[in-house]
Amino acid sequence: MSGLRITGRLRSLALVLAAGAFMVGGLSSTAAYASEAAPLGTEPQIGIQFNPDGTGQCEGRTGEQWATSPNWTEAIRLDTDNRPGGCRLAFGVTDPDGTLAGSSIKYQLTRSTNGVGQCGDNLSPNEVPILPIPAFGKQVRVDTDNQPGWCNLTFTVTGRIVLDVQLYADGEPGQCEDASPVTHSASAGSPVTVKIDTDGRPGGCQFLLRLRHF
């Protein structure tokens, strides 16, 4: 029994040291650690953190979720309009066995050229933490409304990763990039950008991710 307790402590220490290395690497200010209850397995997992700071504009799977490669996440639903508040988004990858060593994912939310004040104040590229423990990068804020313009969400990938992205409308097609589910695949040298322009028109945008590796 004592041997089992020691082994458990050593595993916990290893996870703490991994987190410390991540913080030393300069990303501690851009990461929010998830619950220890997030599932850990041998395959990498993609995580979405999706939280409303208003009412009724952020639906589907809110909170935190993790999907094991190559499965899709559950859909989150963006329907930000003139109501107060918006939706906060962040992403993470758990990689217990180091399968994705040398690979990276970045995400960036930017305003369209005619967009004013719709997409929060974090408009810089954000690193997706790829760690043996669950963690999320810095939040971006989607808050489109009836003003001109929209938010662009871009994913950039390096290494042996393919990140599949779906963003599609469940109402007025002009609020999202596609009127039906179409998969956009981000890979090394081929980033993906999707357009979020939800406003007072009917419906919103369904958003899903899938992580694959080779």
Protein backbone atom coordinates (compact mmCIF):
# COMPACT_ATOMS: atom_id res chain seq x y z
CA MET A 1 0.00 0.00 0.00
CA SER A 2 2.80 2.43 0.85
CA GLY A 3 4.34 1.76 -2.56
CA LEU A 4 1.06 2.73 -4.25
CA ARG A 5 0.87 5.96 -2.29
CA ILE A 6 4.44 6.86 -3.24
CA THR A 7 3.73 6.17 -6.90
CA GLY A 8 0.68 8.42 -6.80
CA ARG A 9 2.71 11.20 -5.19
CA LEU A 10 5.43 10.89 -7.81
CA ARG A 11 2.83 11.15 -10.58
CA SER A 12 1.34 14.25 -8.97
CA LEU A 13 4.83 15.75 -8.63
CA ALA A 14 5.51 15.10 -12.33
CA LEU A 15 2.33 16.93 -13.31
CA VAL A 16 3.21 19.86 -11.07
CA LEU A 17 6.70 20.07 -12.58
CA ALA A 18 5.19 20.00 -16.10
CA ALA A 19 2.91 22.86 -15.19
CA GLY A 20 5.88 24.75 -13.73
CA ALA A 21 7.84 24.32 -16.95
CA PHE A 22 4.88 25.73 -18.85
CA MET A 23 4.79 28.77 -16.57
CA VAL A 24 8.53 29.35 -16.92
CA GLY A 25 8.05 29.30 -20.69
CA GLY A 26 6.20 32.61 -20.43
CA LEU A 27 2.66 31.34 -20.89
CA SER A 28 1.53 31.38 -17.27
CA SER A 29 -0.28 34.68 -17.84
CA THR A 30 -2.22 33.18 -20.74
CA ALA A 31 -3.35 29.91 -19.19
CA ALA A 32 -6.24 29.02 -16.92
CA TYR A 33 -5.97 25.56 -15.43
CA ALA A 34 -8.96 23.29 -15.77
CA SER A 35 -10.47 20.94 -13.25
CA GLU A 36 -8.44 17.83 -12.32
CA ALA A 37 -11.59 15.91 -13.20
CA ALA A 38 -11.06 16.49 -16.95
CA PRO A 39 -10.46 13.09 -18.56
CA LEU A 40 -6.92 11.86 -19.12
CA GLY A 41 -6.06 9.02 -21.49
CA THR A 42 -3.42 7.94 -23.96
CA GLU A 43 -4.76 9.94 -26.93
CA PRO A 44 -4.54 13.76 -27.03
CA GLN A 45 -7.71 15.71 -26.32
CA ILE A 46 -8.97 19.08 -27.54
CA GLY A 47 -10.72 21.27 -24.99
CA ILE A 48 -13.11 24.21 -25.27
CA GLN A 49 -13.86 26.62 -22.44
CA PHE A 50 -17.07 28.55 -23.24
CA ASN A 51 -18.64 30.91 -20.72
CA PRO A 52 -21.32 33.60 -21.05
CA ASP A 53 -20.98 37.00 -19.39
CA GLY A 54 -24.50 38.01 -20.38
CA THR A 55 -27.87 36.29 -20.84
CA GLY A 56 -29.06 33.85 -23.50
CA GLN A 57 -26.33 34.54 -26.06
CA CYS A 58 -24.06 31.55 -25.41
CA GLU A 59 -25.76 28.17 -25.57
CA GLY A 60 -25.08 24.51 -26.27
CA ARG A 61 -22.21 22.97 -24.29
CA THR A 62 -21.15 25.78 -21.95
CA GLY A 63 -18.41 25.49 -19.33
CA GLU A 64 -15.52 23.11 -20.10
CA GLN A 65 -15.44 20.09 -22.37
CA TRP A 66 -12.79 17.72 -23.73
CA ALA A 67 -12.96 15.48 -26.81
CA THR A 68 -10.50 12.65 -27.39
CA SER A 69 -8.82 12.60 -30.81
CA PRO A 70 -10.26 12.03 -33.41
CA ASN A 71 -13.74 12.75 -31.98
CA TRP A 72 -15.62 16.02 -32.41
CA THR A 73 -16.43 18.25 -29.47
CA GLU A 74 -20.05 18.91 -28.65
CA ALA A 75 -21.44 22.02 -30.35
CA ILE A 76 -21.35 25.39 -28.68
CA ARG A 77 -23.76 28.04 -29.94
CA LEU A 78 -22.92 31.71 -30.46
CA ASP A 79 -25.82 34.14 -30.77
CA THR A 80 -24.44 37.47 -29.55
CA ASP A 81 -26.53 40.49 -30.48
CA ASN A 82 -27.56 43.78 -28.90
CA ARG A 83 -28.30 42.19 -25.54
CA PRO A 84 -25.75 42.92 -22.80
CA GLY A 85 -22.73 40.67 -22.57
CA GLY A 86 -20.97 38.23 -24.86
CA CYS A 87 -19.25 34.82 -24.98
CA ARG A 88 -15.77 34.04 -23.66
CA LEU A 89 -13.77 31.36 -25.48
CA ALA A 90 -10.50 29.56 -24.76
CA PHE A 91 -8.87 26.37 -25.99
CA GLY A 92 -6.50 23.72 -24.67
CA VAL A 93 -4.96 20.34 -25.51
CA THR A 94 -4.08 17.55 -23.11
CA ASP A 95 -1.25 15.30 -24.33
CA PRO A 96 -0.48 12.75 -21.57
CA ASP A 97 2.05 10.73 -23.58
CA GLY A 98 3.81 13.56 -25.44
CA THR A 99 2.37 12.45 -28.77
CA LEU A 100 2.24 16.03 -30.06
CA ALA A 101 5.75 17.06 -29.01
CA GLY A 102 7.06 19.78 -31.34
CA SER A 103 3.58 20.76 -32.55
CA SER A 104 1.63 23.91 -31.72
CA ILE A 105 -1.76 25.58 -32.16
CA LYS A 106 -2.52 29.30 -31.92
CA TYR A 107 -5.86 31.10 -32.03
CA GLN A 108 -6.63 34.76 -32.63
CA LEU A 109 -9.82 36.80 -32.61
CA THR A 110 -9.70 39.97 -34.72
CA ARG A 111 -12.18 42.61 -35.88
CA SER A 112 -13.11 43.12 -39.50
CA THR A 113 -11.88 46.38 -41.01
CA ASN A 114 -15.26 48.03 -40.37
CA GLY A 115 -15.82 46.44 -36.97
CA VAL A 116 -15.86 48.67 -33.89
CA GLY A 117 -15.74 47.38 -30.31
CA GLN A 118 -17.26 43.98 -31.07
CA CYS A 119 -14.56 41.46 -30.34
CA GLY A 120 -13.17 42.22 -26.89
CA ASP A 121 -9.71 43.58 -26.18
CA ASN A 122 -7.60 40.43 -26.59
CA LEU A 123 -6.78 40.66 -30.30
CA SER A 124 -3.30 39.08 -30.13
CA PRO A 125 -2.34 35.51 -31.09
CA ASN A 126 -2.84 33.12 -28.18
CA GLU A 127 -0.98 29.86 -27.65
CA VAL A 128 -3.03 26.72 -27.00
CA PRO A 129 -1.28 24.99 -24.09
CA ILE A 130 -0.35 21.42 -25.00
CA LEU A 131 0.36 19.76 -21.65
CA PRO A 132 -0.03 16.41 -19.88
CA ILE A 133 -2.56 18.13 -17.59
CA PRO A 134 -5.74 20.00 -18.57
CA ALA A 135 -5.19 23.74 -19.14
CA PHE A 136 -6.69 26.49 -21.28
CA GLY A 137 -5.13 29.47 -23.02
CA LYS A 138 -6.19 33.07 -22.55
CA GLN A 139 -9.84 33.90 -23.18
CA VAL A 140 -11.07 35.82 -26.20
CA ARG A 141 -14.48 37.53 -26.15
CA VAL A 142 -17.05 37.27 -28.94
CA ASP A 143 -19.57 40.11 -28.68
CA THR A 144 -20.95 40.90 -32.13
CA ASP A 145 -24.08 43.00 -32.27
CA ASN A 146 -26.01 45.13 -34.78
CA GLN A 147 -23.08 47.42 -35.47
CA PRO A 148 -21.22 47.08 -38.79
CA GLY A 149 -18.49 44.45 -38.95
CA TRP A 150 -17.79 41.09 -37.37
CA CYS A 151 -15.16 38.93 -35.61
CA ASN A 152 -12.69 36.65 -37.40
CA LEU A 153 -11.44 33.61 -35.47
CA THR A 154 -8.19 32.19 -36.89
CA PHE A 155 -6.41 28.93 -36.02
CA THR A 156 -2.74 28.42 -36.96
CA VAL A 157 -1.09 25.01 -36.62
CA THR A 158 2.47 23.67 -36.79
CA GLY A 159 3.80 20.12 -36.62
CA ARG A 160 1.86 16.86 -36.82
CA ILE A 161 -1.58 18.27 -36.04
CA VAL A 162 -4.73 18.79 -38.06
CA LEU A 163 -7.42 20.89 -36.39
CA ASP A 164 -10.85 20.51 -38.00
CA VAL A 165 -13.24 23.43 -37.51
CA GLN A 166 -16.97 23.67 -38.16
CA LEU A 167 -18.88 26.96 -37.87
CA TYR A 168 -22.30 27.00 -39.47
CA ALA A 169 -25.60 28.84 -39.21
CA ASP A 170 -28.78 27.45 -37.68
CA GLY A 171 -30.78 30.44 -38.96
CA GLU A 172 -29.85 33.35 -41.22
CA PRO A 173 -26.80 32.12 -43.22
CA GLY A 174 -25.11 35.54 -43.25
CA GLN A 175 -24.27 35.32 -39.53
CA CYS A 176 -21.66 32.56 -39.98
CA GLU A 177 -19.27 31.52 -42.70
CA ASP A 178 -21.35 28.63 -44.03
CA ALA A 179 -25.05 27.87 -44.27
CA SER A 180 -24.45 24.14 -43.71
CA PRO A 181 -21.83 22.10 -41.84
CA VAL A 182 -18.57 22.32 -43.78
CA THR A 183 -15.28 21.19 -42.27
CA HIS A 184 -12.30 23.56 -42.52
CA SER A 185 -8.98 21.88 -41.70
CA ALA A 186 -6.06 23.84 -40.27
CA SER A 187 -2.66 22.21 -40.79
CA ALA A 188 0.96 23.33 -40.96
CA GLY A 189 1.16 26.23 -43.43
CA SER A 190 -2.64 26.32 -43.90
CA PRO A 191 -4.43 28.37 -41.23
CA VAL A 192 -8.22 28.52 -41.02
CA THR A 193 -10.31 31.65 -40.41
CA VAL A 194 -14.04 31.59 -39.71
CA LYS A 195 -16.35 34.63 -39.64
CA ILE A 196 -18.72 35.30 -36.73
CA ASP A 197 -21.32 38.01 -37.42
CA THR A 198 -24.29 37.19 -35.20
CA ASP A 199 -26.75 40.05 -34.62
CA GLY A 200 -30.51 40.57 -34.45
CA ARG A 201 -31.23 38.23 -37.35
CA PRO A 202 -32.84 34.84 -36.57
CA GLY A 203 -30.59 32.01 -35.43
CA GLY A 204 -26.95 31.79 -34.45
CA CYS A 205 -23.72 29.89 -35.14
CA GLN A 206 -22.89 26.30 -34.17
CA PHE A 207 -19.18 25.72 -33.52
CA LEU A 208 -17.29 22.39 -33.17
CA LEU A 209 -13.64 21.26 -33.14
CA ARG A 210 -11.82 18.01 -33.82
CA LEU A 211 -8.14 17.24 -33.25
CA ARG A 212 -6.28 14.77 -35.45
CA HIS A 213 -2.57 13.89 -35.55
CA PHE A 214 -0.23 11.85 -37.72
